């Protein structure tokens, strides 16, 4: 689970991603939709990576 600020941003980006992909399926320029999808994909990875780096490391038993 992500902290609230990250989770809200990810949720918003995922909604945008789905909207773009649905529009692509229904006829908008495929090149534009793919470019926007890739941009959102990179933003999602950046957010999740940043959030994960701020989390406490997982302790495993030795």
C-alpha atoms as a PDB file:
ATOM      1  CA  UNK A   1       0.000   0.000   0.000  1.00  0.00           C
ATOM      2  CA  UNK A   2       1.147   3.496  -0.767  1.00  0.00           C
ATOM      3  CA  UNK A   3       0.976   6.460   1.565  1.00  0.00           C
ATOM      4  CA  UNK A   4      -2.067   8.616   0.900  1.00  0.00           C
ATOM      5  CA  UNK A   5      -0.419  11.394  -1.165  1.00  0.00           C
ATOM      6  CA  UNK A   6       1.193   8.842  -3.492  1.00  0.00           C
ATOM      7  CA  UNK A   7      -1.876   6.643  -3.603  1.00  0.00           C
ATOM      8  CA  UNK A   8      -4.110   9.526  -4.658  1.00  0.00           C
ATOM      9  CA  UNK A   9      -1.725  10.541  -7.446  1.00  0.00           C
ATOM     10  CA  UNK A  10      -1.431   6.956  -8.676  1.00  0.00           C
ATOM     11  CA  UNK A  11      -5.207   6.546  -8.623  1.00  0.00           C
ATOM     12  CA  UNK A  12      -5.634   9.714 -10.711  1.00  0.00           C
ATOM     13  CA  UNK A  13      -2.970   8.627 -13.211  1.00  0.00           C
ATOM     14  CA  UNK A  14      -4.513   5.171 -13.557  1.00  0.00           C
ATOM     15  CA  UNK A  15      -7.901   6.725 -14.323  1.00  0.00           C
ATOM     16  CA  UNK A  16      -6.292   8.939 -16.963  1.00  0.00           C
ATOM     17  CA  UNK A  17      -4.489   5.914 -18.389  1.00  0.00           C
ATOM     18  CA  UNK A  18      -7.700   3.907 -18.704  1.00  0.00           C
ATOM     19  CA  UNK A  19      -9.525   6.869 -20.280  1.00  0.00           C
ATOM     20  CA  UNK A  20      -6.777   7.299 -22.862  1.00  0.00           C
ATOM     21  CA  UNK A  21      -6.742   3.610 -23.717  1.00  0.00           C
ATOM     22  CA  UNK A  22     -10.541   3.526 -24.075  1.00  0.00           C
ATOM     23  CA  UNK A  23     -10.470   6.560 -26.349  1.00  0.00           C
ATOM     24  CA  UNK A  24      -7.793   4.868 -28.444  1.00  0.00           C
ATOM     25  CA  UNK A  25      -9.994   1.810 -28.795  1.00  0.00           C
ATOM     26  CA  UNK A  26     -12.895   3.975 -29.910  1.00  0.00           C
ATOM     27  CA  UNK A  27     -11.071   5.935 -32.565  1.00  0.00           C
ATOM     28  CA  UNK A  28      -8.751   8.764 -31.480  1.00  0.00           C
ATOM     29  CA  UNK A  29      -5.319   8.887 -33.071  1.00  0.00           C
ATOM     30  CA  UNK A  30      -3.494   5.775 -31.947  1.00  0.00           C
ATOM     31  CA  UNK A  31      -0.078   7.489 -31.992  1.00  0.00           C
ATOM     32  CA  UNK A  32      -1.314  10.205 -29.639  1.00  0.00           C
ATOM     33  CA  UNK A  33      -2.917   7.696 -27.292  1.00  0.00           C
ATOM     34  CA  UNK A  34       0.219   5.554 -27.190  1.00  0.00           C
ATOM     35  CA  UNK A  35       2.434   8.568 -26.456  1.00  0.00           C
ATOM     36  CA  UNK A  36       0.144   9.662 -23.630  1.00  0.00           C
ATOM     37  CA  UNK A  37      -0.008   6.100 -22.280  1.00  0.00           C
ATOM     38  CA  UNK A  38       3.774   5.816 -22.229  1.00  0.00           C
ATOM     39  CA  UNK A  39       4.081   9.166 -20.444  1.00  0.00           C
ATOM     40  CA  UNK A  40       1.623   8.065 -17.758  1.00  0.00           C
ATOM     41  CA  UNK A  41       3.424   4.738 -17.461  1.00  0.00           C
ATOM     42  CA  UNK A  42       6.696   6.539 -16.697  1.00  0.00           C
ATOM     43  CA  UNK A  43       4.972   8.867 -14.210  1.00  0.00           C
ATOM     44  CA  UNK A  44       3.442   5.881 -12.417  1.00  0.00           C
ATOM     45  CA  UNK A  45       6.812   4.132 -12.119  1.00  0.00           C
ATOM     46  CA  UNK A  46       8.445   7.330 -10.859  1.00  0.00           C
ATOM     47  CA  UNK A  47       5.785   7.816  -8.177  1.00  0.00           C
ATOM     48  CA  UNK A  48       5.863   4.219  -7.006  1.00  0.00           C
ATOM     49  CA  UNK A  49       9.673   4.165  -6.981  1.00  0.00           C
ATOM     50  CA  UNK A  50       9.790   7.347  -4.921  1.00  0.00           C
ATOM     51  CA  UNK A  51       7.182   6.029  -2.504  1.00  0.00           C
ATOM     52  CA  UNK A  52       8.998   2.715  -2.128  1.00  0.00           C
ATOM     53  CA  UNK A  53      12.309   4.452  -1.433  1.00  0.00           C
ATOM     54  CA  UNK A  54      10.700   6.369   1.439  1.00  0.00           C
ATOM     55  CA  UNK A  55       9.219   3.266   3.056  1.00  0.00           C
ATOM     56  CA  UNK A  56      10.927   1.384   5.824  1.00  0.00           C
ATOM     57  CA  UNK A  57      12.859  -1.590   4.539  1.00  0.00           C
ATOM     58  CA  UNK A  58      11.228  -4.960   5.023  1.00  0.00           C
ATOM     59  CA  UNK A  59      12.871  -6.940   7.796  1.00  0.00           C
ATOM     60  CA  UNK A  60      13.368 -10.601   7.017  1.00  0.00           C
ATOM     61  CA  UNK A  61      14.340 -13.220   9.587  1.00  0.00           C
ATOM     62  CA  UNK A  62      17.872 -14.580   9.305  1.00  0.00           C
END
